[in-house]
């Protein structure tokens, strides 16, 4: 499973989203722009890829959905 580009802005600066409690290596990878941290709570429909340019997230391996589904902005946090 590999994201090639963002279908919304066509950027190739797309990184995987990693879930769970991050250690030093993941924090350093996030600072370096190699991964995006998704938090500790993981759900079955959480996004897998993050676009560094436009900030949108997407899921590409969800059964029953096309492989290149458009990004959707997450709802604002309260």
N, C-alpha and C. Protein backbone atom coordinates (compact mmCIF):
# COMPACT_ATOMS: atom_id res chain seq x y z
N UNK A 1 0.85 -1.17 0.00
CA UNK A 1 0.00 0.00 0.00
C UNK A 1 0.89 1.23 0.00
N UNK A 2 0.76 2.01 -1.03
CA UNK A 2 1.61 3.18 -1.14
C UNK A 2 0.84 4.35 -1.74
N UNK A 3 0.91 5.49 -1.09
CA UNK A 3 0.29 6.69 -1.62
C UNK A 3 1.30 7.36 -2.54
N UNK A 4 0.88 7.68 -3.75
CA UNK A 4 1.81 8.28 -4.71
C UNK A 4 1.70 9.80 -4.74
N UNK A 5 0.48 10.32 -4.67
CA UNK A 5 0.31 11.77 -4.68
C UNK A 5 -1.04 12.11 -4.06
N UNK A 6 -1.17 13.36 -3.69
CA UNK A 6 -2.42 13.85 -3.11
C UNK A 6 -3.41 14.10 -4.24
N UNK A 7 -4.60 13.49 -4.20
CA UNK A 7 -5.56 13.72 -5.27
C UNK A 7 -6.19 15.12 -5.21
N UNK A 8 -6.02 15.83 -4.11
CA UNK A 8 -6.60 17.16 -3.99
C UNK A 8 -5.67 18.25 -4.53
N UNK A 9 -4.36 18.18 -4.19
CA UNK A 9 -3.44 19.24 -4.61
C UNK A 9 -2.32 18.74 -5.52
N UNK A 10 -2.29 17.42 -5.80
CA UNK A 10 -1.29 16.78 -6.66
C UNK A 10 0.13 16.81 -6.11
N UNK A 11 0.30 17.11 -4.84
CA UNK A 11 1.62 17.10 -4.23
C UNK A 11 2.10 15.66 -4.05
N UNK A 12 3.38 15.44 -4.21
CA UNK A 12 3.95 14.12 -3.95
C UNK A 12 4.55 14.05 -2.54
N UNK A 13 4.39 15.10 -1.76
CA UNK A 13 4.89 15.16 -0.39
C UNK A 13 3.84 14.56 0.55
N UNK A 14 3.63 13.24 0.43
CA UNK A 14 2.64 12.52 1.21
C UNK A 14 3.38 11.55 2.13
N UNK A 15 3.02 11.55 3.42
CA UNK A 15 3.70 10.69 4.41
C UNK A 15 2.68 9.82 5.13
N UNK A 16 3.12 8.66 5.64
CA UNK A 16 2.19 7.81 6.39
C UNK A 16 1.85 8.41 7.75
N UNK A 17 0.64 8.11 8.22
CA UNK A 17 0.22 8.51 9.56
C UNK A 17 0.46 7.32 10.48
N UNK A 18 1.16 7.56 11.59
CA UNK A 18 1.48 6.51 12.55
C UNK A 18 0.68 6.77 13.82
N UNK A 19 0.01 5.72 14.31
CA UNK A 19 -0.82 5.82 15.51
C UNK A 19 -0.14 5.14 16.69
N UNK A 20 -0.52 5.56 17.88
CA UNK A 20 0.03 4.99 19.10
C UNK A 20 0.91 5.99 19.82
N UNK A 21 1.39 5.61 20.98
CA UNK A 21 2.26 6.48 21.76
C UNK A 21 3.63 6.54 21.09
N UNK A 22 4.06 7.71 20.63
CA UNK A 22 5.33 7.79 19.90
C UNK A 22 6.54 7.77 20.82
N UNK A 23 7.58 7.10 20.35
CA UNK A 23 8.86 7.12 21.04
C UNK A 23 9.72 8.22 20.44
N UNK A 24 10.97 8.26 20.84
CA UNK A 24 11.88 9.30 20.37
C UNK A 24 12.07 9.26 18.86
N UNK A 25 12.17 8.05 18.28
CA UNK A 25 12.38 7.94 16.83
C UNK A 25 11.19 8.48 16.04
N UNK A 26 9.97 8.16 16.48
CA UNK A 26 8.79 8.67 15.78
C UNK A 26 8.65 10.17 15.92
N UNK A 27 8.95 10.69 17.08
CA UNK A 27 8.89 12.14 17.26
C UNK A 27 9.91 12.82 16.35
N UNK A 28 11.11 12.27 16.29
CA UNK A 28 12.13 12.83 15.39
C UNK A 28 11.69 12.71 13.93
N UNK A 29 11.07 11.59 13.56
CA UNK A 29 10.58 11.41 12.20
C UNK A 29 9.47 12.39 11.86
N UNK A 30 8.64 12.71 12.84
CA UNK A 30 7.57 13.69 12.64
C UNK A 30 8.14 15.09 12.44
N UNK A 31 9.12 15.43 13.25
CA UNK A 31 9.77 16.75 13.13
C UNK A 31 10.47 16.87 11.77
N UNK A 32 11.05 15.76 11.30
CA UNK A 32 11.76 15.76 10.02
C UNK A 32 10.81 15.68 8.82
N UNK A 33 9.50 15.48 9.07
CA UNK A 33 8.54 15.40 7.98
C UNK A 33 8.49 14.04 7.30
N UNK A 34 8.96 12.99 7.98
CA UNK A 34 8.95 11.65 7.41
C UNK A 34 7.67 10.89 7.72
N UNK A 35 6.99 11.23 8.81
CA UNK A 35 5.72 10.63 9.21
C UNK A 35 4.85 11.70 9.84
N UNK A 36 3.56 11.41 9.94
CA UNK A 36 2.64 12.27 10.68
C UNK A 36 2.12 11.47 11.86
N UNK A 37 2.03 12.09 13.01
CA UNK A 37 1.55 11.41 14.21
C UNK A 37 0.03 11.53 14.27
N UNK A 38 -0.64 10.38 14.45
CA UNK A 38 -2.10 10.35 14.41
C UNK A 38 -2.76 10.29 15.77
N UNK A 39 -2.00 10.17 16.84
CA UNK A 39 -2.59 10.11 18.17
C UNK A 39 -2.65 8.68 18.69
N UNK A 40 -3.14 8.53 19.90
CA UNK A 40 -3.15 7.22 20.55
C UNK A 40 -4.44 6.45 20.29
N UNK A 41 -5.54 7.12 20.03
CA UNK A 41 -6.81 6.44 19.78
C UNK A 41 -6.90 6.06 18.31
N UNK A 42 -7.04 4.77 18.05
CA UNK A 42 -7.07 4.27 16.68
C UNK A 42 -8.44 3.69 16.39
N UNK A 43 -9.03 4.10 15.28
CA UNK A 43 -10.32 3.57 14.86
C UNK A 43 -10.20 2.86 13.52
N UNK A 44 -11.20 2.08 13.16
CA UNK A 44 -11.12 1.30 11.92
C UNK A 44 -11.16 2.15 10.66
N UNK A 45 -11.60 3.39 10.73
CA UNK A 45 -11.69 4.24 9.54
C UNK A 45 -10.74 5.44 9.60
N UNK A 46 -9.74 5.36 10.46
CA UNK A 46 -8.78 6.46 10.57
C UNK A 46 -7.93 6.57 9.30
N UNK A 47 -7.54 7.78 8.91
CA UNK A 47 -6.73 7.95 7.71
C UNK A 47 -5.34 7.33 7.86
N UNK A 48 -4.74 7.00 6.73
CA UNK A 48 -3.42 6.36 6.70
C UNK A 48 -2.33 7.25 6.13
N UNK A 49 -2.70 8.25 5.36
CA UNK A 49 -1.72 9.12 4.68
C UNK A 49 -2.04 10.57 4.93
N UNK A 50 -1.01 11.40 5.02
CA UNK A 50 -1.15 12.84 5.28
C UNK A 50 -0.37 13.61 4.22
N UNK A 51 -1.02 14.60 3.63
CA UNK A 51 -0.36 15.47 2.65
C UNK A 51 0.30 16.63 3.38
N UNK A 52 1.60 16.76 3.21
CA UNK A 52 2.34 17.83 3.89
C UNK A 52 2.03 19.21 3.31
N UNK A 53 1.58 19.26 2.05
CA UNK A 53 1.34 20.55 1.40
C UNK A 53 -0.02 21.14 1.79
N UNK A 54 -1.10 20.37 1.62
CA UNK A 54 -2.43 20.93 1.90
C UNK A 54 -3.00 20.49 3.23
N UNK A 55 -2.36 19.51 3.90
CA UNK A 55 -2.77 19.12 5.24
C UNK A 55 -3.94 18.15 5.32
N UNK A 56 -4.38 17.62 4.22
CA UNK A 56 -5.49 16.69 4.25
C UNK A 56 -5.01 15.26 4.43
N UNK A 57 -5.90 14.44 4.97
CA UNK A 57 -5.59 13.04 5.25
C UNK A 57 -6.48 12.15 4.41
N UNK A 58 -6.01 10.91 4.16
CA UNK A 58 -6.85 9.97 3.44
C UNK A 58 -6.52 8.54 3.81
N UNK A 59 -7.43 7.69 3.46
CA UNK A 59 -7.32 6.26 3.69
C UNK A 59 -7.32 5.59 2.32
N UNK A 60 -6.40 4.66 2.10
CA UNK A 60 -6.35 4.02 0.78
C UNK A 60 -6.61 2.53 0.79
N UNK A 61 -6.65 1.89 1.94
CA UNK A 61 -6.80 0.44 1.96
C UNK A 61 -8.15 -0.01 2.51
N UNK A 62 -9.11 0.88 2.57
CA UNK A 62 -10.40 0.53 3.12
C UNK A 62 -11.17 -0.34 2.15
N UNK A 63 -11.65 -1.52 2.58
CA UNK A 63 -12.39 -2.41 1.68
C UNK A 63 -13.64 -1.73 1.14
N UNK A 64 -13.91 -1.95 -0.12
CA UNK A 64 -15.11 -1.40 -0.74
C UNK A 64 -14.97 0.02 -1.25
N UNK A 65 -13.82 0.62 -1.11
CA UNK A 65 -13.62 1.98 -1.60
C UNK A 65 -12.52 1.98 -2.66
N UNK A 66 -12.60 2.91 -3.60
CA UNK A 66 -11.52 2.99 -4.60
C UNK A 66 -10.19 3.29 -3.94
N UNK A 67 -9.14 2.86 -4.57
CA UNK A 67 -7.81 3.05 -4.02
C UNK A 67 -7.42 4.52 -3.92
N UNK A 68 -7.83 5.35 -4.85
CA UNK A 68 -7.47 6.77 -4.82
C UNK A 68 -8.71 7.60 -4.50
N UNK A 69 -9.13 7.52 -3.26
CA UNK A 69 -10.28 8.26 -2.78
C UNK A 69 -9.86 9.68 -2.41
N UNK A 70 -10.71 10.68 -2.63
CA UNK A 70 -10.32 12.06 -2.30
C UNK A 70 -10.10 12.24 -0.81
N UNK A 71 -9.25 13.19 -0.48
CA UNK A 71 -9.02 13.55 0.91
C UNK A 71 -10.29 14.18 1.46
N UNK A 72 -10.45 14.09 2.76
CA UNK A 72 -11.54 14.79 3.44
C UNK A 72 -10.94 15.46 4.67
N UNK A 73 -11.28 16.73 4.82
CA UNK A 73 -10.77 17.43 6.00
C UNK A 73 -11.48 16.92 7.24
N UNK A 74 -10.76 16.68 8.33
CA UNK A 74 -11.39 16.23 9.55
C UNK A 74 -12.25 17.35 10.15
N UNK A 75 -13.28 16.98 10.92
CA UNK A 75 -14.10 18.02 11.55
C UNK A 75 -13.29 18.79 12.58
N UNK A 76 -13.65 20.03 12.84
CA UNK A 76 -12.90 20.81 13.83
C UNK A 76 -13.03 20.17 15.20
N UNK A 77 -11.96 20.22 15.96
CA UNK A 77 -11.98 19.68 17.32
C UNK A 77 -12.54 20.71 18.27
N UNK A 78 -13.36 20.25 19.17
CA UNK A 78 -13.98 21.15 20.14
C UNK A 78 -13.20 21.18 21.42
